[in-house]
Protein backbone atom coordinates (compact mmCIF):
# COMPACT_ATOMS: atom_id res chain seq x y z
CA MET A 1 3.62 -123.52 -103.77
CA SER A 2 1.75 -123.64 -100.46
CA THR A 3 2.57 -126.31 -97.92
CA PRO A 4 0.06 -129.15 -97.36
CA TYR A 5 0.20 -128.72 -93.58
CA SER A 6 -0.27 -126.13 -90.83
CA PHE A 7 1.25 -126.02 -87.34
CA ILE A 8 -0.66 -125.62 -84.08
CA VAL A 9 1.10 -124.94 -80.78
CA LEU A 10 -0.18 -124.28 -77.26
CA THR A 11 1.39 -121.54 -75.17
CA TYR A 12 1.40 -119.97 -71.74
CA ASN A 13 4.33 -117.67 -70.94
CA GLU A 14 6.61 -119.36 -73.46
CA GLU A 15 8.98 -116.47 -74.29
CA LEU A 16 11.88 -118.76 -73.34
CA HIS A 17 10.95 -121.47 -75.83
CA LEU A 18 8.78 -119.96 -78.58
CA PRO A 19 11.55 -118.20 -80.59
CA ARG A 20 13.55 -121.42 -80.70
CA PHE A 21 10.51 -123.42 -81.88
CA LEU A 22 9.33 -120.89 -84.49
CA GLN A 23 12.83 -120.45 -85.88
CA SER A 24 13.10 -124.23 -86.40
CA ILE A 25 10.03 -124.27 -88.67
CA ALA A 26 10.38 -120.83 -90.32
CA GLU A 27 11.92 -122.26 -93.51
CA LEU A 28 8.80 -124.38 -94.12
CA ASN A 29 6.62 -121.27 -94.67
CA ALA A 30 3.61 -123.06 -93.22
CA PRO A 31 0.67 -121.37 -91.45
CA VAL A 32 1.13 -121.30 -87.66
CA PHE A 33 -1.73 -121.14 -85.15
CA ILE A 34 -1.00 -120.45 -81.50
CA VAL A 35 -3.63 -121.17 -78.84
CA ASP A 36 -2.67 -119.14 -75.79
CA SER A 37 -4.15 -119.40 -72.31
CA GLY A 38 -3.36 -115.93 -71.00
CA SER A 39 0.37 -115.27 -71.32
CA THR A 40 1.65 -112.22 -69.44
CA ASP A 41 5.16 -112.21 -70.92
CA THR A 42 6.22 -111.49 -74.52
CA THR A 43 4.80 -114.72 -75.97
CA ILE A 44 2.15 -112.96 -78.09
CA LYS A 45 4.61 -110.35 -79.37
CA ILE A 46 7.07 -113.07 -80.40
CA GLY A 47 4.37 -115.08 -82.19
CA GLU A 48 3.10 -112.06 -84.08
CA GLU A 49 6.62 -111.21 -85.23
CA PHE A 50 6.76 -114.66 -86.86
CA GLY A 51 3.32 -114.16 -88.46
CA ALA A 52 1.41 -116.61 -86.27
CA THR A 53 -2.36 -116.46 -85.81
CA PHE A 54 -3.44 -116.31 -82.15
CA LEU A 55 -6.50 -117.72 -80.41
CA TYR A 56 -7.27 -117.51 -76.70
CA ASN A 57 -8.81 -120.20 -74.53
CA PRO A 58 -8.67 -120.63 -70.72
CA PHE A 59 -6.58 -123.68 -69.81
CA LYS A 60 -8.21 -126.66 -68.13
CA ASN A 61 -5.89 -129.47 -69.20
CA HIS A 62 -3.89 -130.40 -72.29
CA PRO A 63 -6.40 -132.78 -73.93
CA THR A 64 -9.28 -130.27 -73.76
CA GLN A 65 -7.01 -127.43 -74.91
CA TRP A 66 -5.97 -129.47 -77.94
CA ASP A 67 -9.61 -130.34 -78.58
CA PHE A 68 -10.43 -126.61 -78.62
CA ALA A 69 -7.49 -125.91 -80.93
CA LEU A 70 -8.49 -128.54 -83.50
CA LYS A 71 -12.10 -127.34 -83.50
CA ASN A 72 -11.42 -123.60 -83.63
CA CYS A 73 -8.24 -122.96 -85.60
CA SER A 74 -9.16 -122.04 -89.19
CA VAL A 75 -6.85 -124.60 -90.76
CA GLN A 76 -7.12 -124.64 -94.56
CA THR A 77 -4.51 -127.33 -95.25
CA PRO A 78 -5.23 -131.08 -95.51
CA TRP A 79 -2.70 -131.87 -92.76
CA VAL A 80 -1.99 -130.41 -89.33
CA ILE A 81 1.11 -130.75 -87.12
CA CYS A 82 0.51 -130.30 -83.38
CA LEU A 83 3.66 -129.52 -81.41
CA ASP A 84 4.66 -128.09 -78.03
CA ALA A 85 6.43 -124.76 -77.59
CA ASP A 86 9.42 -126.45 -75.92
CA GLN A 87 10.05 -128.67 -78.96
CA VAL A 88 12.38 -128.06 -81.88
CA VAL A 89 12.21 -129.56 -85.38
CA THR A 90 15.64 -130.89 -86.40
CA PRO A 91 17.02 -130.30 -89.92
CA GLU A 92 16.49 -134.00 -90.73
CA LEU A 93 12.82 -133.90 -89.74
CA LYS A 94 12.44 -130.58 -91.53
CA GLN A 95 13.72 -132.22 -94.70
CA HIS A 96 11.00 -134.87 -94.36
CA LEU A 97 8.45 -132.06 -94.23
CA ILE A 98 10.01 -130.16 -97.14
CA ASN A 99 9.77 -133.29 -99.29
CA PHE A 100 6.27 -134.21 -98.10
CA LYS A 101 3.60 -134.48 -100.79
CA ASP A 102 0.00 -135.22 -99.91
CA GLU A 103 -0.61 -137.22 -103.09
CA GLU A 104 2.12 -139.69 -102.13
CA HIS A 105 0.34 -140.64 -98.88
CA THR A 106 -3.31 -140.97 -99.87
CA ALA A 107 -3.77 -144.15 -97.80
CA THR A 108 -2.18 -142.66 -94.66
CA ASN A 109 -3.94 -140.58 -92.02
CA GLY A 110 -1.14 -139.87 -89.54
CA PHE A 111 2.61 -139.79 -88.88
CA TYR A 112 4.62 -140.50 -85.74
CA PHE A 113 7.69 -138.33 -85.08
CA ASN A 114 10.65 -139.65 -83.09
CA ARG A 115 11.33 -137.55 -79.97
CA LYS A 116 14.57 -136.90 -78.09
CA ASN A 117 13.86 -135.73 -74.53
CA PHE A 118 16.35 -133.60 -72.57
CA PHE A 119 16.60 -132.98 -68.82
CA LYS A 120 19.00 -130.35 -67.47
CA GLY A 121 20.80 -130.34 -70.81
CA ARG A 122 21.26 -134.11 -71.04
CA TRP A 123 19.62 -136.31 -73.65
CA ILE A 124 17.72 -139.09 -71.85
CA LYS A 125 18.65 -141.91 -74.20
CA HIS A 126 17.75 -144.95 -72.07
CA GLY A 127 15.11 -146.06 -69.61
CA GLY A 128 12.50 -146.48 -72.34
CA TYR A 129 12.84 -142.85 -73.46
CA TYR A 130 14.39 -143.47 -76.86
CA PRO A 131 13.20 -144.17 -79.43
CA PHE A 132 9.91 -142.55 -78.40
CA TYR A 133 7.27 -142.05 -81.07
CA LEU A 134 4.61 -139.33 -80.83
CA LEU A 135 1.64 -139.01 -83.18
CA LYS A 136 2.04 -135.36 -84.16
CA MET A 137 0.97 -135.03 -87.81
CA PHE A 138 -2.41 -136.11 -89.14
CA ARG A 139 -5.16 -135.27 -91.58
CA PHE A 140 -7.14 -132.30 -90.35
CA GLY A 141 -10.68 -133.31 -89.45
CA ILE A 142 -9.74 -136.98 -89.03
CA GLY A 143 -7.33 -136.95 -86.08
CA TYR A 144 -8.63 -135.75 -82.74
CA SER A 145 -7.55 -135.16 -79.13
CA ASP A 146 -8.28 -137.96 -76.66
CA THR A 147 -10.32 -136.05 -74.07
CA THR A 148 -10.73 -139.16 -71.90
CA GLU A 149 -7.23 -138.25 -70.69
CA LYS A 150 -6.79 -135.56 -68.03
CA MET A 151 -3.04 -135.03 -68.27
CA ASP A 152 -1.17 -137.36 -70.61
CA HIS A 153 -2.56 -135.96 -73.86
CA ARG A 154 -2.41 -137.88 -77.11
CA PHE A 155 -4.02 -137.71 -80.51
CA VAL A 156 -6.11 -140.47 -82.02
CA VAL A 157 -6.11 -141.16 -85.75
CA PRO A 158 -8.37 -143.82 -87.29
CA GLY A 159 -6.82 -145.73 -90.18
CA LYS A 160 -3.25 -146.20 -91.32
CA THR A 161 -0.34 -144.39 -89.68
CA GLU A 162 3.37 -144.29 -90.51
CA ILE A 163 6.50 -143.78 -88.39
CA TRP A 164 9.35 -141.48 -89.30
CA LYS A 165 12.21 -143.04 -87.37
CA ASP A 166 14.92 -140.69 -88.64
CA GLY A 167 14.63 -136.98 -88.08
CA HIS A 168 13.66 -135.90 -84.57
CA LEU A 169 11.73 -133.58 -82.36
CA LEU A 170 14.03 -132.24 -79.66
CA GLU A 171 12.10 -131.60 -76.45
CA GLU A 172 13.72 -129.61 -73.66
CA ASN A 173 11.76 -127.54 -71.15
CA LEU A 174 14.38 -125.05 -69.97
CA LYS A 175 12.17 -124.00 -67.05
CA GLU A 176 12.65 -127.50 -65.64
CA ASN A 177 16.34 -126.80 -65.11
CA ASN A 178 15.02 -125.33 -61.86
CA ILE A 179 14.13 -128.45 -59.88
CA SER A 180 11.55 -126.56 -57.81
CA PHE A 181 9.64 -125.80 -61.02
CA TRP A 182 9.82 -129.47 -62.07
CA ILE A 183 8.52 -130.70 -58.70
CA ALA A 184 5.70 -128.13 -58.53
CA LYS A 185 4.63 -128.93 -62.10
CA HIS A 186 4.57 -132.67 -61.56
CA ASN A 187 2.81 -132.29 -58.24
CA ARG A 188 -0.03 -130.59 -60.16
CA TYR A 189 0.07 -133.31 -62.82
CA SER A 190 -0.13 -136.04 -60.17
CA ASP A 191 -3.52 -134.67 -59.07
CA LEU A 192 -4.90 -135.18 -62.58
CA VAL A 193 -3.36 -138.62 -63.04
CA ALA A 194 -4.64 -139.83 -59.66
CA GLU A 195 -8.18 -138.65 -60.44
CA GLN A 196 -8.01 -140.32 -63.84
CA GLU A 197 -6.78 -143.66 -62.49
CA VAL A 198 -9.52 -143.72 -59.86
CA GLU A 199 -12.10 -143.11 -62.58
CA ARG A 200 -10.64 -145.96 -64.62
CA MET A 201 -10.73 -148.24 -61.55
CA ARG A 202 -14.45 -147.54 -61.32
CA SER A 203 -14.95 -148.02 -65.08
CA VAL A 204 -16.12 -144.44 -65.48
CA ILE A 205 -13.83 -144.02 -68.52
CA THR A 206 -12.16 -146.43 -70.91
CA LEU A 207 -9.05 -146.22 -73.07
CA ALA A 208 -9.67 -144.50 -76.41
CA GLU A 209 -7.02 -146.59 -78.17
CA LYS A 210 -7.46 -150.33 -78.58
CA PRO A 211 -4.59 -151.85 -76.54
CA GLY A 212 -2.19 -154.01 -78.54
CA PHE A 213 1.44 -154.90 -77.88
CA TRP A 214 2.11 -155.36 -81.59
CA GLY A 215 0.02 -152.39 -82.70
CA SER A 216 0.93 -148.76 -83.29
CA PRO A 217 3.02 -146.86 -80.70
CA ASN A 218 -0.19 -145.46 -79.18
CA GLN A 219 -1.80 -148.92 -79.02
CA ARG A 220 1.31 -150.30 -77.32
CA LYS A 221 1.20 -147.48 -74.74
CA ALA A 222 -2.47 -148.33 -74.10
CA TRP A 223 -1.48 -151.98 -73.62
CA TYR A 224 1.15 -151.04 -71.04
CA LYS A 225 -1.26 -148.66 -69.31
CA GLN A 226 -3.87 -151.41 -69.06
CA ARG A 227 -1.40 -153.66 -67.27
CA TRP A 228 -0.08 -150.86 -65.09
CA GLN A 229 -3.57 -150.34 -63.69
CA LYS A 230 -3.70 -153.98 -62.58
CA LEU A 231 -0.46 -153.81 -60.58
CA PRO A 232 -0.68 -153.21 -56.79
CA ARG A 233 -0.22 -149.60 -55.75
CA TYR A 234 3.06 -148.72 -53.98
CA VAL A 235 4.71 -151.80 -55.49
CA ARG A 236 4.41 -150.68 -59.10
CA PRO A 237 6.53 -147.49 -58.77
CA MET A 238 9.48 -149.56 -57.54
CA LEU A 239 8.97 -152.20 -60.26
CA TYR A 240 8.81 -149.47 -62.90
CA PHE A 241 11.95 -147.77 -61.59
CA ILE A 242 13.87 -151.06 -61.60
CA GLN A 243 12.70 -151.76 -65.14
CA ARG A 244 13.89 -148.37 -66.35
CA MET A 245 17.20 -148.46 -64.51
CA VAL A 246 18.20 -152.10 -65.08
CA PHE A 247 16.33 -153.68 -67.99
CA GLN A 248 16.07 -150.47 -70.05
CA LEU A 249 19.61 -149.38 -69.09
CA GLY A 250 18.66 -146.07 -67.49
CA ILE A 251 21.81 -146.32 -65.38
CA LEU A 252 23.77 -145.48 -68.55
CA ASP A 253 22.24 -142.00 -68.64
CA GLY A 254 24.68 -140.85 -65.95
CA ARG A 255 23.99 -138.93 -62.77
CA THR A 256 21.57 -136.44 -64.37
CA GLY A 257 19.72 -139.26 -66.11
CA VAL A 258 19.43 -141.31 -62.93
CA ILE A 259 17.96 -138.27 -61.15
CA PHE A 260 15.42 -137.92 -63.95
CA HIS A 261 14.45 -141.60 -63.93
CA PHE A 262 14.07 -141.53 -60.14
CA LEU A 263 11.90 -138.41 -60.16
CA GLN A 264 9.77 -139.28 -63.18
CA GLY A 265 9.75 -143.06 -62.88
CA PHE A 266 9.50 -143.50 -59.09
CA TRP A 267 8.75 -140.30 -57.15
CA PHE A 268 5.98 -139.11 -59.48
CA ARG A 269 4.33 -142.55 -59.65
CA LEU A 270 4.51 -142.95 -55.88
CA ILE A 271 2.84 -139.56 -55.33
CA VAL A 272 0.07 -140.62 -57.72
CA ASP A 273 -0.55 -143.81 -55.72
CA ILE A 274 -0.67 -141.88 -52.44
CA LYS A 275 -3.14 -139.39 -53.89
CA MET A 276 -5.28 -142.22 -55.27
CA ASP A 277 -5.64 -143.61 -51.74
CA GLU A 278 -6.58 -140.15 -50.47
CA ILE A 279 -9.27 -139.79 -53.16
CA LEU A 280 -10.67 -143.27 -52.46
CA LYS A 281 -10.73 -142.62 -48.70
CA GLN A 282 -12.49 -139.30 -49.22
CA LYS A 283 -15.11 -140.92 -51.45
CA ASN A 284 -15.69 -143.70 -48.90
CA ASP A 285 -15.95 -141.20 -46.05
CA THR A 286 -18.47 -139.19 -48.06
CA LYS A 287 -20.56 -142.29 -48.57
């Protein structure tokens, strides 16, 4: 019997991660679509060996790439699961998918998966990083990519959603074990985030999700983001770092975890604030 879902994954030179990802879902025998943005390694060869269908699209940012994928992949199943190449489906989550029946969830349009994030081989368990729910499975044609975002992509699903708290996605970007790669990557990301926050300051764009502390995981993230934007620049990175380290017990993640929380929770946010000031100054000078 055919599965009620298909997988979509984005790739660019993912020969390090793609075999691990595809092997974790091979038992499900579900259609796999890979949207590649010009890989020069063995990514395409690996995907073809697993029977994946490839599409090509130049990469602009994650939200627009996912938008392209959802509009151009010839998905024939009622559900779609959108994952990243550096993620792995655990046996417990795979069992959820093996047992999944569309007719048992007629009132539901989407599912949140629980993610475990790893940095340099260590699970980041504290600092607000676990549990961490990502909307990854939804009815095809109903869920869509939030293209108001420039970097922090998320999917939007109208109607009822459910959370699978047990069973996990394991996310570990092995390229980031090289700290120079991590810094260069997040330096590029900070450009996009700074541009986006300036646009939100000027009311050029609005949040796609209705903010709500007691709402879905995505609505809660939108609520926090709304308040983040009201905090004074340069002060908020330190407040956020203290929150993660003290109130969300990030200190318990050990030396590697503390390095991660500092880089992702303070350094990255500080760089964004600095770049926001540069953008605002440039716009004022132009005027």
